[in-house]
N, C-alpha and C. Protein backbone atom coordinates (compact mmCIF):
# COMPACT_ATOMS: atom_id res chain seq x y z
N MET A 1 40.85 -30.46 -82.58
CA MET A 1 40.27 -31.28 -83.61
C MET A 1 41.07 -32.58 -83.72
N LYS A 2 42.38 -32.45 -83.65
CA LYS A 2 43.23 -33.64 -83.76
C LYS A 2 42.92 -34.63 -82.64
N SER A 3 42.75 -34.14 -81.42
CA SER A 3 42.45 -35.00 -80.28
C SER A 3 41.10 -35.69 -80.46
N LEU A 4 40.11 -34.96 -80.92
CA LEU A 4 38.79 -35.53 -81.16
C LEU A 4 38.87 -36.65 -82.19
N LYS A 5 39.55 -36.39 -83.29
CA LYS A 5 39.67 -37.39 -84.34
C LYS A 5 40.42 -38.63 -83.84
N ASN A 6 41.49 -38.42 -83.08
CA ASN A 6 42.24 -39.56 -82.54
C ASN A 6 41.40 -40.39 -81.59
N THR A 7 40.68 -39.72 -80.71
CA THR A 7 39.85 -40.43 -79.73
C THR A 7 38.75 -41.23 -80.42
N LEU A 8 38.08 -40.62 -81.36
CA LEU A 8 37.01 -41.33 -82.07
C LEU A 8 37.56 -42.49 -82.90
N SER A 9 38.69 -42.31 -83.53
CA SER A 9 39.30 -43.40 -84.31
C SER A 9 39.69 -44.57 -83.41
N LYS A 10 40.24 -44.27 -82.24
CA LYS A 10 40.61 -45.32 -81.30
C LYS A 10 39.36 -46.08 -80.83
N THR A 11 38.29 -45.35 -80.53
CA THR A 11 37.04 -45.98 -80.10
C THR A 11 36.47 -46.88 -81.20
N LEU A 12 36.53 -46.43 -82.44
CA LEU A 12 36.05 -47.25 -83.55
C LEU A 12 36.86 -48.54 -83.68
N ARG A 13 38.18 -48.44 -83.52
CA ARG A 13 39.04 -49.63 -83.59
C ARG A 13 38.71 -50.60 -82.46
N ILE A 14 38.51 -50.09 -81.24
CA ILE A 14 38.17 -50.93 -80.09
C ILE A 14 36.84 -51.64 -80.34
N ASP A 15 35.90 -50.95 -80.98
CA ASP A 15 34.59 -51.53 -81.28
C ASP A 15 34.61 -52.47 -82.48
N GLY A 16 35.81 -52.70 -83.04
CA GLY A 16 35.95 -53.65 -84.14
C GLY A 16 35.60 -53.11 -85.51
N ILE A 17 35.51 -51.81 -85.63
CA ILE A 17 35.22 -51.21 -86.93
C ILE A 17 36.53 -51.07 -87.70
N ALA A 18 36.49 -51.49 -88.95
CA ALA A 18 37.70 -51.53 -89.78
C ALA A 18 38.45 -50.20 -89.76
N ALA A 19 39.77 -50.31 -89.86
CA ALA A 19 40.64 -49.13 -89.82
C ALA A 19 40.67 -48.46 -91.19
N LEU A 20 39.53 -47.98 -91.62
CA LEU A 20 39.43 -47.23 -92.87
C LEU A 20 39.79 -45.78 -92.59
N PRO A 21 40.09 -45.04 -93.61
CA PRO A 21 40.26 -43.61 -93.35
C PRO A 21 38.89 -42.98 -93.06
N HIS A 22 38.61 -42.75 -91.79
CA HIS A 22 37.33 -42.19 -91.38
C HIS A 22 37.29 -40.68 -91.57
N TRP A 23 38.43 -40.08 -91.76
CA TRP A 23 38.51 -38.61 -91.79
C TRP A 23 39.16 -38.15 -93.08
N GLN A 24 38.79 -36.95 -93.50
CA GLN A 24 39.48 -36.32 -94.61
C GLN A 24 40.88 -35.95 -94.16
N LYS A 25 41.81 -35.84 -95.09
CA LYS A 25 43.19 -35.49 -94.75
C LYS A 25 43.30 -34.14 -94.07
N GLY A 26 42.48 -33.22 -94.44
CA GLY A 26 42.52 -31.89 -93.83
C GLY A 26 41.12 -31.36 -93.63
N PHE A 27 41.00 -30.25 -93.00
CA PHE A 27 39.70 -29.62 -92.82
C PHE A 27 39.89 -28.11 -92.78
N PHE A 28 38.81 -27.42 -93.02
CA PHE A 28 38.87 -25.96 -93.01
C PHE A 28 37.98 -25.48 -91.88
N ASP A 29 38.56 -24.84 -90.91
CA ASP A 29 37.84 -24.31 -89.77
C ASP A 29 37.40 -22.90 -90.13
N HIS A 30 36.09 -22.71 -90.33
CA HIS A 30 35.58 -21.43 -90.79
C HIS A 30 34.87 -20.72 -89.66
N VAL A 31 35.27 -19.50 -89.38
CA VAL A 31 34.62 -18.69 -88.36
C VAL A 31 33.46 -17.95 -89.02
N LEU A 32 32.27 -18.12 -88.45
CA LEU A 32 31.11 -17.41 -88.98
C LEU A 32 31.08 -16.02 -88.38
N ARG A 33 31.20 -15.02 -89.23
CA ARG A 33 31.33 -13.65 -88.74
C ARG A 33 30.07 -12.81 -88.94
N SER A 34 29.11 -13.36 -89.62
CA SER A 34 27.90 -12.56 -89.86
C SER A 34 26.70 -13.48 -90.03
N GLU A 35 25.54 -12.91 -89.89
CA GLU A 35 24.30 -13.68 -90.08
C GLU A 35 24.22 -14.21 -91.51
N GLU A 36 24.67 -13.41 -92.48
CA GLU A 36 24.63 -13.85 -93.87
C GLU A 36 25.54 -15.06 -94.07
N SER A 37 26.71 -15.05 -93.47
CA SER A 37 27.64 -16.16 -93.59
C SER A 37 27.04 -17.43 -92.98
N TYR A 38 26.38 -17.28 -91.83
CA TYR A 38 25.75 -18.42 -91.18
C TYR A 38 24.67 -19.00 -92.09
N GLU A 39 23.82 -18.14 -92.63
CA GLU A 39 22.75 -18.60 -93.51
C GLU A 39 23.31 -19.31 -94.73
N GLU A 40 24.36 -18.75 -95.31
CA GLU A 40 24.99 -19.34 -96.49
C GLU A 40 25.50 -20.75 -96.18
N LYS A 41 26.17 -20.90 -95.06
CA LYS A 41 26.73 -22.22 -94.69
C LYS A 41 25.63 -23.22 -94.36
N TRP A 42 24.58 -22.76 -93.68
CA TRP A 42 23.47 -23.66 -93.33
C TRP A 42 22.78 -24.16 -94.60
N HIS A 43 22.57 -23.29 -95.59
CA HIS A 43 21.96 -23.72 -96.84
C HIS A 43 22.87 -24.70 -97.57
N TYR A 44 24.17 -24.47 -97.53
CA TYR A 44 25.13 -25.39 -98.16
C TYR A 44 25.01 -26.78 -97.53
N VAL A 45 24.98 -26.83 -96.21
CA VAL A 45 24.90 -28.11 -95.50
C VAL A 45 23.56 -28.80 -95.81
N ARG A 46 22.49 -28.03 -95.84
CA ARG A 46 21.17 -28.60 -96.12
C ARG A 46 21.11 -29.23 -97.51
N GLU A 47 21.91 -28.73 -98.45
CA GLU A 47 21.89 -29.25 -99.82
C GLU A 47 22.82 -30.46 -100.01
N ASN A 48 23.62 -30.81 -99.00
CA ASN A 48 24.56 -31.94 -99.15
C ASN A 48 23.89 -33.23 -99.61
N PRO A 49 22.76 -33.67 -99.03
CA PRO A 49 22.15 -34.92 -99.50
C PRO A 49 21.68 -34.85 -100.95
N VAL A 50 21.29 -33.67 -101.41
CA VAL A 50 20.89 -33.50 -102.80
C VAL A 50 22.11 -33.64 -103.70
N ARG A 51 23.21 -32.94 -103.35
CA ARG A 51 24.44 -33.03 -104.16
C ARG A 51 24.98 -34.45 -104.19
N ALA A 52 24.79 -35.20 -103.09
CA ALA A 52 25.27 -36.59 -103.02
C ALA A 52 24.35 -37.55 -103.75
N GLY A 53 23.20 -37.06 -104.23
CA GLY A 53 22.27 -37.92 -104.96
C GLY A 53 21.43 -38.81 -104.06
N LEU A 54 21.37 -38.49 -102.77
CA LEU A 54 20.60 -39.31 -101.83
C LEU A 54 19.11 -39.01 -101.89
N VAL A 55 18.76 -37.78 -102.23
CA VAL A 55 17.37 -37.35 -102.39
C VAL A 55 17.32 -36.34 -103.53
N LYS A 56 16.12 -36.13 -104.06
CA LYS A 56 15.97 -35.15 -105.13
C LYS A 56 15.73 -33.75 -104.57
N ASP A 57 15.11 -33.68 -103.40
CA ASP A 57 14.81 -32.40 -102.76
C ASP A 57 15.25 -32.47 -101.31
N ARG A 58 15.84 -31.39 -100.81
CA ARG A 58 16.39 -31.42 -99.45
C ARG A 58 15.33 -31.71 -98.40
N GLU A 59 14.08 -31.38 -98.67
CA GLU A 59 13.00 -31.64 -97.72
C GLU A 59 12.73 -33.13 -97.55
N GLU A 60 13.19 -33.94 -98.51
CA GLU A 60 13.01 -35.39 -98.42
C GLU A 60 13.97 -36.04 -97.43
N TRP A 61 15.06 -35.35 -97.10
CA TRP A 61 16.08 -35.90 -96.20
C TRP A 61 15.55 -35.90 -94.77
N PRO A 62 15.46 -37.09 -94.12
CA PRO A 62 14.82 -37.15 -92.80
C PRO A 62 15.65 -36.57 -91.66
N PHE A 63 16.92 -36.28 -91.91
CA PHE A 63 17.81 -35.84 -90.83
C PHE A 63 18.19 -34.37 -90.93
N TRP A 64 17.40 -33.55 -91.62
CA TRP A 64 17.83 -32.18 -91.91
C TRP A 64 17.58 -31.19 -90.79
N GLY A 65 16.76 -31.49 -89.83
CA GLY A 65 16.46 -30.52 -88.78
C GLY A 65 17.56 -30.41 -87.75
N GLU A 66 17.74 -29.24 -87.18
CA GLU A 66 18.72 -29.08 -86.13
C GLU A 66 18.10 -29.43 -84.79
N ILE A 67 18.92 -29.86 -83.85
CA ILE A 67 18.44 -30.20 -82.52
C ILE A 67 18.08 -28.93 -81.76
N PHE A 68 18.91 -27.93 -81.90
CA PHE A 68 18.69 -26.65 -81.23
C PHE A 68 18.51 -25.57 -82.29
N ASP A 69 17.73 -24.58 -81.98
CA ASP A 69 17.56 -23.44 -82.88
C ASP A 69 18.80 -22.57 -82.76
N LEU A 70 19.65 -22.58 -83.77
CA LEU A 70 20.90 -21.83 -83.75
C LEU A 70 20.70 -20.49 -84.44
N ARG A 71 21.15 -19.45 -83.81
CA ARG A 71 21.04 -18.11 -84.40
C ARG A 71 22.37 -17.38 -84.20
N TYR A 72 22.71 -16.57 -85.16
CA TYR A 72 23.92 -15.75 -85.07
C TYR A 72 23.66 -14.55 -84.19
N HIS A 73 24.57 -14.28 -83.25
CA HIS A 73 24.49 -13.08 -82.40
C HIS A 73 25.84 -12.39 -82.43
N SER A 74 25.86 -11.15 -82.83
CA SER A 74 27.13 -10.41 -82.80
C SER A 74 27.33 -9.82 -81.41
N ASP A 75 28.59 -9.64 -81.04
CA ASP A 75 28.90 -9.09 -79.72
C ASP A 75 28.67 -7.61 -79.65
């Protein structure tokens, strides 16, 4: 994660984008261990634009669909 953040920050600087704090100070890497956990996290993410006040209903957000159909599979 550190390498990804460093690389992207360097690219932004090269492209002339201001050296703002682009990243949160820390992050929580959460392992999804069950289908219920996956569903819970996906619903949380889907509600982000509503919590941010960008839309009144999550269905109004034009970027809510996933590119790939993601499903939890246990080993």
